[in-house]
Amino acid sequence: MDRLVQAGRIRLLHPLGYLDFMSRVVGPRLIITDGGGIQEETTYQRLSCLTVRPSTERPIPVELGTNRLVKVVQIENAVERILTGD
C-alpha cells in the first residue's frame, strides 16, 4: 500500500457515492477497483478498468474489452499494458 501512495500519480479512495465517484472519473487513464458497479460506469466513460476479482456479475465490460479481471500479482503488468496503449 505504501508503494502506491508514494507513486504520486495514484489516488486511493474509499467507496464513494455515485455523484462523488462520477465527479472523480474525469481525467484518469485507468481505474483499479474491486467493486462491481464501477465496471459499468468506466465503460460508459470510456475508461480502462482493472477489476481485482476472480469473476464478475457484469460480463459485458469484459466482453467489450473495457474491463479486465486481474489478480493482485497481475496489476503492475496490466497497468503497464494499458498505459502503453495495449
PDB file of N, CA and C in Angstrom:
ATOM      1  N   MET A   1       0.822  -1.195   0.000  1.00  0.00           N
ATOM      2  CA  MET A   1       0.000   0.000   0.000  1.00  0.00           C
ATOM      3  C   MET A   1       0.865   1.258   0.000  1.00  0.00           C
ATOM      4  N   ASP A   2       1.953   1.250   0.764  1.00  0.00           N
ATOM      5  CA  ASP A   2       2.836   2.414   0.817  1.00  0.00           C
ATOM      6  C   ASP A   2       3.411   2.746  -0.549  1.00  0.00           C
ATOM      7  N   ARG A   3       3.758   1.727  -1.332  1.00  0.00           N
ATOM      8  CA  ARG A   3       4.309   1.970  -2.667  1.00  0.00           C
ATOM      9  C   ARG A   3       3.301   2.696  -3.541  1.00  0.00           C
ATOM     10  N   LEU A   4       2.032   2.350  -3.410  1.00  0.00           N
ATOM     11  CA  LEU A   4       1.003   3.022  -4.197  1.00  0.00           C
ATOM     12  C   LEU A   4       0.879   4.486  -3.806  1.00  0.00           C
ATOM     13  N   VAL A   5       0.870   4.748  -2.528  1.00  0.00           N
ATOM     14  CA  VAL A   5       0.747   6.120  -2.040  1.00  0.00           C
ATOM     15  C   VAL A   5       1.945   6.945  -2.492  1.00  0.00           C
ATOM     16  N   GLN A   6       3.132   6.362  -2.456  1.00  0.00           N
ATOM     17  CA  GLN A   6       4.351   7.083  -2.819  1.00  0.00           C
ATOM     18  C   GLN A   6       4.503   7.267  -4.327  1.00  0.00           C
ATOM     19  N   ALA A   7       3.744   6.550  -5.114  1.00  0.00           N
ATOM     20  CA  ALA A   7       3.869   6.633  -6.565  1.00  0.00           C
ATOM     21  C   ALA A   7       3.503   8.014  -7.104  1.00  0.00           C
ATOM     22  N   GLY A   8       2.710   8.755  -6.357  1.00  0.00           N
ATOM     23  CA  GLY A   8       2.427  10.128  -6.746  1.00  0.00           C
ATOM     24  C   GLY A   8       1.221  10.324  -7.630  1.00  0.00           C
ATOM     25  N   ARG A   9       1.103   9.578  -8.685  1.00  0.00           N
ATOM     26  CA  ARG A   9       0.012   9.772  -9.638  1.00  0.00           C
ATOM     27  C   ARG A   9      -1.153   8.829  -9.374  1.00  0.00           C
ATOM     28  N   ILE A  10      -1.123   8.146  -8.251  1.00  0.00           N
ATOM     29  CA  ILE A  10      -2.182   7.199  -7.894  1.00  0.00           C
ATOM     30  C   ILE A  10      -2.984   7.786  -6.744  1.00  0.00           C
ATOM     31  N   ARG A  11      -4.270   7.748  -6.879  1.00  0.00           N
ATOM     32  CA  ARG A  11      -5.148   8.250  -5.840  1.00  0.00           C
ATOM     33  C   ARG A  11      -5.957   7.086  -5.281  1.00  0.00           C
ATOM     34  N   LEU A  12      -5.788   6.807  -3.994  1.00  0.00           N
ATOM     35  CA  LEU A  12      -6.531   5.746  -3.327  1.00  0.00           C
ATOM     36  C   LEU A  12      -7.764   6.347  -2.671  1.00  0.00           C
ATOM     37  N   LEU A  13      -8.922   5.758  -2.935  1.00  0.00           N
ATOM     38  CA  LEU A  13     -10.175   6.281  -2.403  1.00  0.00           C
ATOM     39  C   LEU A  13     -10.967   5.192  -1.714  1.00  0.00           C
ATOM     40  N   HIS A  14     -11.668   5.582  -0.682  1.00  0.00           N
ATOM     41  CA  HIS A  14     -12.629   4.677  -0.055  1.00  0.00           C
ATOM     42  C   HIS A  14     -13.872   4.654  -0.932  1.00  0.00           C
ATOM     43  N   PRO A  15     -14.775   3.704  -0.703  1.00  0.00           N
ATOM     44  CA  PRO A  15     -16.011   3.684  -1.503  1.00  0.00           C
ATOM     45  C   PRO A  15     -16.719   5.045  -1.454  1.00  0.00           C
ATOM     46  N   LEU A  16     -17.207   5.446  -2.620  1.00  0.00           N
ATOM     47  CA  LEU A  16     -17.862   6.745  -2.769  1.00  0.00           C
ATOM     48  C   LEU A  16     -19.302   6.570  -3.208  1.00  0.00           C
ATOM     49  N   GLY A  17     -20.097   7.577  -2.943  1.00  0.00           N
ATOM     50  CA  GLY A  17     -21.435   7.618  -3.506  1.00  0.00           C
ATOM     51  C   GLY A  17     -21.346   7.864  -5.001  1.00  0.00           C
ATOM     52  N   TYR A  18     -22.437   7.654  -5.691  1.00  0.00           N
ATOM     53  CA  TYR A  18     -22.442   7.741  -7.152  1.00  0.00           C
ATOM     54  C   TYR A  18     -21.969   9.105  -7.655  1.00  0.00           C
ATOM     55  N   LEU A  19     -22.528  10.177  -7.152  1.00  0.00           N
ATOM     56  CA  LEU A  19     -22.168  11.504  -7.645  1.00  0.00           C
ATOM     57  C   LEU A  19     -20.720  11.851  -7.330  1.00  0.00           C
ATOM     58  N   ASP A  20     -20.267  11.499  -6.132  1.00  0.00           N
ATOM     59  CA  ASP A  20     -18.861  11.735  -5.791  1.00  0.00           C
ATOM     60  C   ASP A  20     -17.938  10.940  -6.715  1.00  0.00           C
ATOM     61  N   PHE A  21     -18.310   9.704  -6.986  1.00  0.00           N
ATOM     62  CA  PHE A  21     -17.497   8.885  -7.889  1.00  0.00           C
ATOM     63  C   PHE A  21     -17.448   9.503  -9.283  1.00  0.00           C
ATOM     64  N   MET A  22     -18.612   9.853  -9.822  1.00  0.00           N
ATOM     65  CA  MET A  22     -18.669  10.375 -11.180  1.00  0.00           C
ATOM     66  C   MET A  22     -17.884  11.682 -11.312  1.00  0.00           C
ATOM     67  N   SER A  23     -17.817  12.471 -10.252  1.00  0.00           N
ATOM     68  CA  SER A  23     -17.053  13.713 -10.325  1.00  0.00           C
ATOM     69  C   SER A  23     -15.548  13.457 -10.344  1.00  0.00           C
ATOM     70  N   ARG A  24     -15.140  12.258  -9.984  1.00  0.00           N
ATOM     71  CA  ARG A  24     -13.708  11.933  -9.942  1.00  0.00           C
ATOM     72  C   ARG A  24     -13.226  11.122 -11.139  1.00  0.00           C
ATOM     73  N   VAL A  25     -14.105  10.714 -12.011  1.00  0.00           N
ATOM     74  CA  VAL A  25     -13.660   9.901 -13.150  1.00  0.00           C
ATOM     75  C   VAL A  25     -13.386  10.736 -14.389  1.00  0.00           C
ATOM     76  N   VAL A  26     -13.145  12.004 -14.205  1.00  0.00           N
ATOM     77  CA  VAL A  26     -12.757  12.873 -15.304  1.00  0.00           C
ATOM     78  C   VAL A  26     -11.239  13.001 -15.269  1.00  0.00           C
ATOM     79  N   GLY A  27     -10.591  12.485 -16.281  1.00  0.00           N
ATOM     80  CA  GLY A  27      -9.150  12.647 -16.370  1.00  0.00           C
ATOM     81  C   GLY A  27      -8.276  11.428 -16.153  1.00  0.00           C
ATOM     82  N   PRO A  28      -8.671  10.410 -15.375  1.00  0.00           N
ATOM     83  CA  PRO A  28      -7.736   9.298 -15.169  1.00  0.00           C
ATOM     84  C   PRO A  28      -7.572   8.459 -16.430  1.00  0.00           C
ATOM     85  N   ARG A  29      -6.430   7.816 -16.543  1.00  0.00           N
ATOM     86  CA  ARG A  29      -6.178   6.910 -17.668  1.00  0.00           C
ATOM     87  C   ARG A  29      -6.802   5.551 -17.424  1.00  0.00           C
ATOM     88  N   LEU A  30      -6.887   5.163 -16.141  1.00  0.00           N
ATOM     89  CA  LEU A  30      -7.495   3.883 -15.807  1.00  0.00           C
ATOM     90  C   LEU A  30      -7.933   3.892 -14.358  1.00  0.00           C
ATOM     91  N   ILE A  31      -8.796   2.967 -14.052  1.00  0.00           N
ATOM     92  CA  ILE A  31      -9.292   2.803 -12.689  1.00  0.00           C
ATOM     93  C   ILE A  31      -9.065   1.354 -12.284  1.00  0.00           C
ATOM     94  N   ILE A  32      -8.596   1.168 -11.062  1.00  0.00           N
ATOM     95  CA  ILE A  32      -8.432  -0.171 -10.490  1.00  0.00           C
ATOM     96  C   ILE A  32      -9.440  -0.277  -9.357  1.00  0.00           C
ATOM     97  N   THR A  33     -10.227  -1.328  -9.362  1.00  0.00           N
ATOM     98  CA  THR A  33     -11.297  -1.458  -8.381  1.00  0.00           C
ATOM     99  C   THR A  33     -11.501  -2.911  -7.975  1.00  0.00           C
ATOM    100  N   ASP A  34     -12.216  -3.094  -6.902  1.00  0.00           N
ATOM    101  CA  ASP A  34     -12.713  -4.423  -6.553  1.00  0.00           C
ATOM    102  C   ASP A  34     -14.236  -4.387  -6.522  1.00  0.00           C
ATOM    103  N   GLY A  35     -14.806  -3.272  -6.975  1.00  0.00           N
ATOM    104  CA  GLY A  35     -16.258  -3.089  -6.942  1.00  0.00           C
ATOM    105  C   GLY A  35     -16.938  -3.519  -8.222  1.00  0.00           C
ATOM    106  N   GLY A  36     -18.229  -3.752  -8.129  1.00  0.00           N
ATOM    107  CA  GLY A  36     -18.998  -4.222  -9.272  1.00  0.00           C
ATOM    108  C   GLY A  36     -19.497  -3.121 -10.185  1.00  0.00           C
ATOM    109  N   GLY A  37     -20.215  -2.150  -9.643  1.00  0.00           N
ATOM    110  CA  GLY A  37     -20.842  -1.128 -10.465  1.00  0.00           C
ATOM    111  C   GLY A  37     -19.867  -0.261 -11.216  1.00  0.00           C
ATOM    112  N   ILE A  38     -18.693  -0.077 -10.664  1.00  0.00           N
ATOM    113  CA  ILE A  38     -17.689   0.772 -11.312  1.00  0.00           C
ATOM    114  C   ILE A  38     -17.310   0.201 -12.678  1.00  0.00           C
ATOM    115  N   GLN A  39     -17.367  -1.088 -12.829  1.00  0.00           N
ATOM    116  CA  GLN A  39     -17.017  -1.715 -14.098  1.00  0.00           C
ATOM    117  C   GLN A  39     -17.888  -1.182 -15.229  1.00  0.00           C
ATOM    118  N   GLU A  40     -19.159  -1.001 -14.965  1.00  0.00           N
ATOM    119  CA  GLU A  40     -20.067  -0.488 -15.992  1.00  0.00           C
ATOM    120  C   GLU A  40     -19.893   1.009 -16.202  1.00  0.00           C
ATOM    121  N   GLU A  41     -19.698   1.738 -15.125  1.00  0.00           N
ATOM    122  CA  GLU A  41     -19.549   3.185 -15.237  1.00  0.00           C
ATOM    123  C   GLU A  41     -18.286   3.561 -16.006  1.00  0.00           C
ATOM    124  N   THR A  42     -17.206   2.844 -15.792  1.00  0.00           N
ATOM    125  CA  THR A  42     -15.987   3.160 -16.534  1.00  0.00           C
ATOM    126  C   THR A  42     -16.153   2.847 -18.010  1.00  0.00           C
ATOM    127  N   THR A  43     -16.919   1.819 -18.330  1.00  0.00           N
ATOM    128  CA  THR A  43     -17.197   1.510 -19.733  1.00  0.00           C
ATOM    129  C   THR A  43     -17.952   2.670 -20.373  1.00  0.00           C
ATOM    130  N   TYR A  44     -18.954   3.180 -19.682  1.00  0.00           N
ATOM    131  CA  TYR A  44     -19.733   4.306 -20.179  1.00  0.00           C
ATOM    132  C   TYR A  44     -18.854   5.538 -20.373  1.00  0.00           C
ATOM    133  N   GLN A  45     -17.891   5.733 -19.479  1.00  0.00           N
ATOM    134  CA  GLN A  45     -16.985   6.881 -19.547  1.00  0.00           C
ATOM    135  C   GLN A  45     -15.794   6.645 -20.480  1.00  0.00           C
ATOM    136  N   ARG A  46     -15.725   5.453 -21.077  1.00  0.00           N
ATOM    137  CA  ARG A  46     -14.621   5.073 -21.974  1.00  0.00           C
ATOM    138  C   ARG A  46     -13.267   5.090 -21.276  1.00  0.00           C
ATOM    139  N   LEU A  47     -13.275   4.578 -20.040  1.00  0.00           N
ATOM    140  CA  LEU A  47     -12.052   4.449 -19.252  1.00  0.00           C
ATOM    141  C   LEU A  47     -11.674   2.982 -19.143  1.00  0.00           C
ATOM    142  N   SER A  48     -10.397   2.716 -19.135  1.00  0.00           N
ATOM    143  CA  SER A  48      -9.943   1.353 -18.884  1.00  0.00           C
ATOM    144  C   SER A  48     -10.133   1.038 -17.406  1.00  0.00           C
ATOM    145  N   CYS A  49     -10.514  -0.192 -17.123  1.00  0.00           N
ATOM    146  CA  CYS A  49     -10.766  -0.599 -15.748  1.00  0.00           C
ATOM    147  C   CYS A  49     -10.125  -1.954 -15.495  1.00  0.00           C
ATOM    148  N   LEU A  50      -9.426  -2.048 -14.388  1.00  0.00           N
ATOM    149  CA  LEU A  50      -8.901  -3.322 -13.916  1.00  0.00           C
ATOM    150  C   LEU A  50      -9.683  -3.671 -12.660  1.00  0.00           C
ATOM    151  N   THR A  51     -10.293  -4.836 -12.655  1.00  0.00           N
ATOM    152  CA  THR A  51     -11.093  -5.254 -11.517  1.00  0.00           C
ATOM    153  C   THR A  51     -10.397  -6.409 -10.827  1.00  0.00           C
ATOM    154  N   VAL A  52     -10.059  -6.202  -9.569  1.00  0.00           N
ATOM    155  CA  VAL A  52      -9.313  -7.198  -8.801  1.00  0.00           C
ATOM    156  C   VAL A  52     -10.332  -8.150  -8.178  1.00  0.00           C
ATOM    157  N   ARG A  53     -10.754  -9.086  -9.001  1.00  0.00           N
ATOM    158  CA  ARG A  53     -11.725 -10.104  -8.598  1.00  0.00           C
ATOM    159  C   ARG A  53     -11.550 -11.316  -9.510  1.00  0.00           C
ATOM    160  N   PRO A  54     -11.892 -12.500  -9.032  1.00  0.00           N
ATOM    161  CA  PRO A  54     -11.771 -13.679  -9.889  1.00  0.00           C
ATOM    162  C   PRO A  54     -12.907 -13.813 -10.897  1.00  0.00           C
ATOM    163  N   SER A  55     -14.035 -13.169 -10.628  1.00  0.00           N
ATOM    164  CA  SER A  55     -15.180 -13.252 -11.543  1.00  0.00           C
ATOM    165  C   SER A  55     -16.009 -11.982 -11.396  1.00  0.00           C
ATOM    166  N   THR A  56     -16.955 -11.821 -12.291  1.00  0.00           N
ATOM    167  CA  THR A  56     -17.817 -10.647 -12.244  1.00  0.00           C
ATOM    168  C   THR A  56     -19.238 -11.012 -12.626  1.00  0.00           C
ATOM    169  N   GLU A  57     -20.180 -10.315 -12.020  1.00  0.00           N
ATOM    170  CA  GLU A  57     -21.577 -10.481 -12.383  1.00  0.00           C
ATOM    171  C   GLU A  57     -21.938  -9.519 -13.519  1.00  0.00           C
ATOM    172  N   ARG A  58     -20.949  -8.770 -13.991  1.00  0.00           N
ATOM    173  CA  ARG A  58     -21.138  -7.810 -15.071  1.00  0.00           C
ATOM    174  C   ARG A  58     -20.187  -8.161 -16.227  1.00  0.00           C
ATOM    175  N   PRO A  59     -20.552  -9.136 -17.050  1.00  0.00           N
ATOM    176  CA  PRO A  59     -19.637  -9.615 -18.093  1.00  0.00           C
ATOM    177  C   PRO A  59     -19.504  -8.697 -19.307  1.00  0.00           C
ATOM    178  N   ILE A  60     -20.448  -7.811 -19.538  1.00  0.00           N
ATOM    179  CA  ILE A  60     -20.411  -7.002 -20.758  1.00  0.00           C
ATOM    180  C   ILE A  60     -19.158  -6.137 -20.845  1.00  0.00           C
ATOM    181  N   PRO A  61     -18.743  -5.418 -19.783  1.00  0.00           N
ATOM    182  CA  PRO A  61     -17.493  -4.640 -19.903  1.00  0.00           C
ATOM    183  C   PRO A  61     -16.270  -5.508 -20.232  1.00  0.00           C
ATOM    184  N   VAL A  62     -16.242  -6.732 -19.720  1.00  0.00           N
ATOM    185  CA  VAL A  62     -15.130  -7.639 -20.039  1.00  0.00           C
ATOM    186  C   VAL A  62     -15.199  -8.021 -21.514  1.00  0.00           C
ATOM    187  N   GLU A  63     -16.409  -8.330 -21.985  1.00  0.00           N
ATOM    188  CA  GLU A  63     -16.578  -8.702 -23.398  1.00  0.00           C
ATOM    189  C   GLU A  63     -16.225  -7.541 -24.325  1.00  0.00           C
ATOM    190  N   LEU A  64     -16.536  -6.312 -23.919  1.00  0.00           N
ATOM    191  CA  LEU A  64     -16.222  -5.135 -24.730  1.00  0.00           C
ATOM    192  C   LEU A  64     -14.740  -4.772 -24.684  1.00  0.00           C
ATOM    193  N   GLY A  65     -14.034  -5.304 -23.689  1.00  0.00           N
ATOM    194  CA  GLY A  65     -12.609  -5.029 -23.558  1.00  0.00           C
ATOM    195  C   GLY A  65     -12.277  -3.799 -22.740  1.00  0.00           C
ATOM    196  N   THR A  66     -13.275  -3.177 -22.120  1.00  0.00           N
ATOM    197  CA  THR A  66     -13.010  -2.001 -21.294  1.00  0.00           C
ATOM    198  C   THR A  66     -12.667  -2.374 -19.865  1.00  0.00           C
ATOM    199  N   ASN A  67     -12.941  -3.601 -19.490  1.00  0.00           N
ATOM    200  CA  ASN A  67     -12.649  -4.078 -18.143  1.00  0.00           C
ATOM    201  C   ASN A  67     -11.888  -5.396 -18.244  1.00  0.00           C
ATOM    202  N   ARG A  68     -10.932  -5.544 -17.352  1.00  0.00           N
ATOM    203  CA  ARG A  68     -10.166  -6.790 -17.306  1.00  0.00           C
ATOM    204  C   ARG A  68     -10.103  -7.263 -15.864  1.00  0.00           C
ATOM    205  N   LEU A  69     -10.410  -8.522 -15.651  1.00  0.00           N
ATOM    206  CA  LEU A  69     -10.306  -9.116 -14.320  1.00  0.00           C
ATOM    207  C   LEU A  69      -8.855  -9.504 -14.088  1.00  0.00           C
ATOM    208  N   VAL A  70      -8.311  -9.095 -12.947  1.00  0.00           N
ATOM    209  CA  VAL A  70      -6.909  -9.378 -12.647  1.00  0.00           C
ATOM    210  C   VAL A  70      -6.749  -9.840 -11.206  1.00  0.00           C
ATOM    211  N   LYS A  71      -5.658 -10.543 -10.978  1.00  0.00           N
ATOM    212  CA  LYS A  71      -5.232 -10.887  -9.621  1.00  0.00           C
ATOM    213  C   LYS A  71      -4.291  -9.782  -9.159  1.00  0.00           C
ATOM    214  N   VAL A  72      -4.104  -9.669  -7.865  1.00  0.00           N
ATOM    215  CA  VAL A  72      -3.224  -8.632  -7.318  1.00  0.00           C
ATOM    216  C   VAL A  72      -1.848  -8.689  -7.972  1.00  0.00           C
ATOM    217  N   VAL A  73      -1.301  -9.876  -8.156  1.00  0.00           N
ATOM    218  CA  VAL A  73       0.043 -10.006  -8.722  1.00  0.00           C
ATOM    219  C   VAL A  73       0.105  -9.590 -10.199  1.00  0.00           C
ATOM    220  N   GLN A  74      -1.032  -9.431 -10.849  1.00  0.00           N
ATOM    221  CA  GLN A  74      -1.079  -9.045 -12.262  1.00  0.00           C
ATOM    222  C   GLN A  74      -1.262  -7.542 -12.469  1.00  0.00           C
ATOM    223  N   ILE A  75      -1.529  -6.802 -11.401  1.00  0.00           N
ATOM    224  CA  ILE A  75      -1.880  -5.387 -11.556  1.00  0.00           C
ATOM    225  C   ILE A  75      -0.779  -4.590 -12.247  1.00  0.00           C
ATOM    226  N   GLU A  76       0.442  -4.723 -11.782  1.00  0.00           N
ATOM    227  CA  GLU A  76       1.529  -3.909 -12.340  1.00  0.00           C
ATOM    228  C   GLU A  76       1.680  -4.131 -13.846  1.00  0.00           C
ATOM    229  N   ASN A  77       1.670  -5.374 -14.280  1.00  0.00           N
ATOM    230  CA  ASN A  77       1.790  -5.680 -15.698  1.00  0.00           C
ATOM    231  C   ASN A  77       0.585  -5.156 -16.478  1.00  0.00           C
ATOM    232  N   ALA A  78      -0.612  -5.314 -15.930  1.00  0.00           N
ATOM    233  CA  ALA A  78      -1.816  -4.859 -16.601  1.00  0.00           C
ATOM    234  C   ALA A  78      -1.831  -3.336 -16.737  1.00  0.00           C
ATOM    235  N   VAL A  79      -1.393  -2.641 -15.709  1.00  0.00           N
ATOM    236  CA  VAL A  79      -1.313  -1.180 -15.779  1.00  0.00           C
ATOM    237  C   VAL A  79      -0.333  -0.760 -16.872  1.00  0.00           C
ATOM    238  N   GLU A  80       0.805  -1.392 -16.903  1.00  0.00           N
ATOM    239  CA  GLU A  80       1.818  -1.065 -17.925  1.00  0.00           C
ATOM    240  C   GLU A  80       1.256  -1.260 -19.330  1.00  0.00           C
ATOM    241  N   ARG A  81       0.528  -2.346 -19.530  1.00  0.00           N
ATOM    242  CA  ARG A  81      -0.054  -2.604 -20.867  1.00  0.00           C
ATOM    243  C   ARG A  81      -1.054  -1.519 -21.256  1.00  0.00           C
ATOM    244  N   ILE A  82      -1.868  -1.097 -20.302  1.00  0.00           N
ATOM    245  CA  ILE A  82      -2.850  -0.049 -20.603  1.00  0.00           C
ATOM    246  C   ILE A  82      -2.150   1.276 -20.893  1.00  0.00           C
ATOM    247  N   LEU A  83      -1.185   1.629 -20.079  1.00  0.00           N
ATOM    248  CA  LEU A  83      -0.506   2.920 -20.257  1.00  0.00           C
ATOM    249  C   LEU A  83       0.321   2.990 -21.537  1.00  0.00           C
ATOM    250  N   THR A  84       0.710   1.829 -22.063  1.00  0.00           N
ATOM    251  CA  THR A  84       1.456   1.823 -23.325  1.00  0.00           C
ATOM    252  C   THR A  84       0.534   1.626 -24.535  1.00  0.00           C
ATOM    253  N   GLY A  85      -0.766   1.612 -24.289  1.00  0.00           N
ATOM    254  CA  GLY A  85      -1.726   1.551 -25.395  1.00  0.00           C
ATOM    255  C   GLY A  85      -2.199   0.182 -25.798  1.00  0.00           C
ATOM    256  N   ASP A  86      -1.877  -0.858 -25.046  1.00  0.00           N
ATOM    257  CA  ASP A  86      -2.292  -2.212 -25.391  1.00  0.00           C
ATOM    258  C   ASP A  86      -3.688  -2.470 -24.834  1.00  0.00           C
TER     259      ASP A  86
END
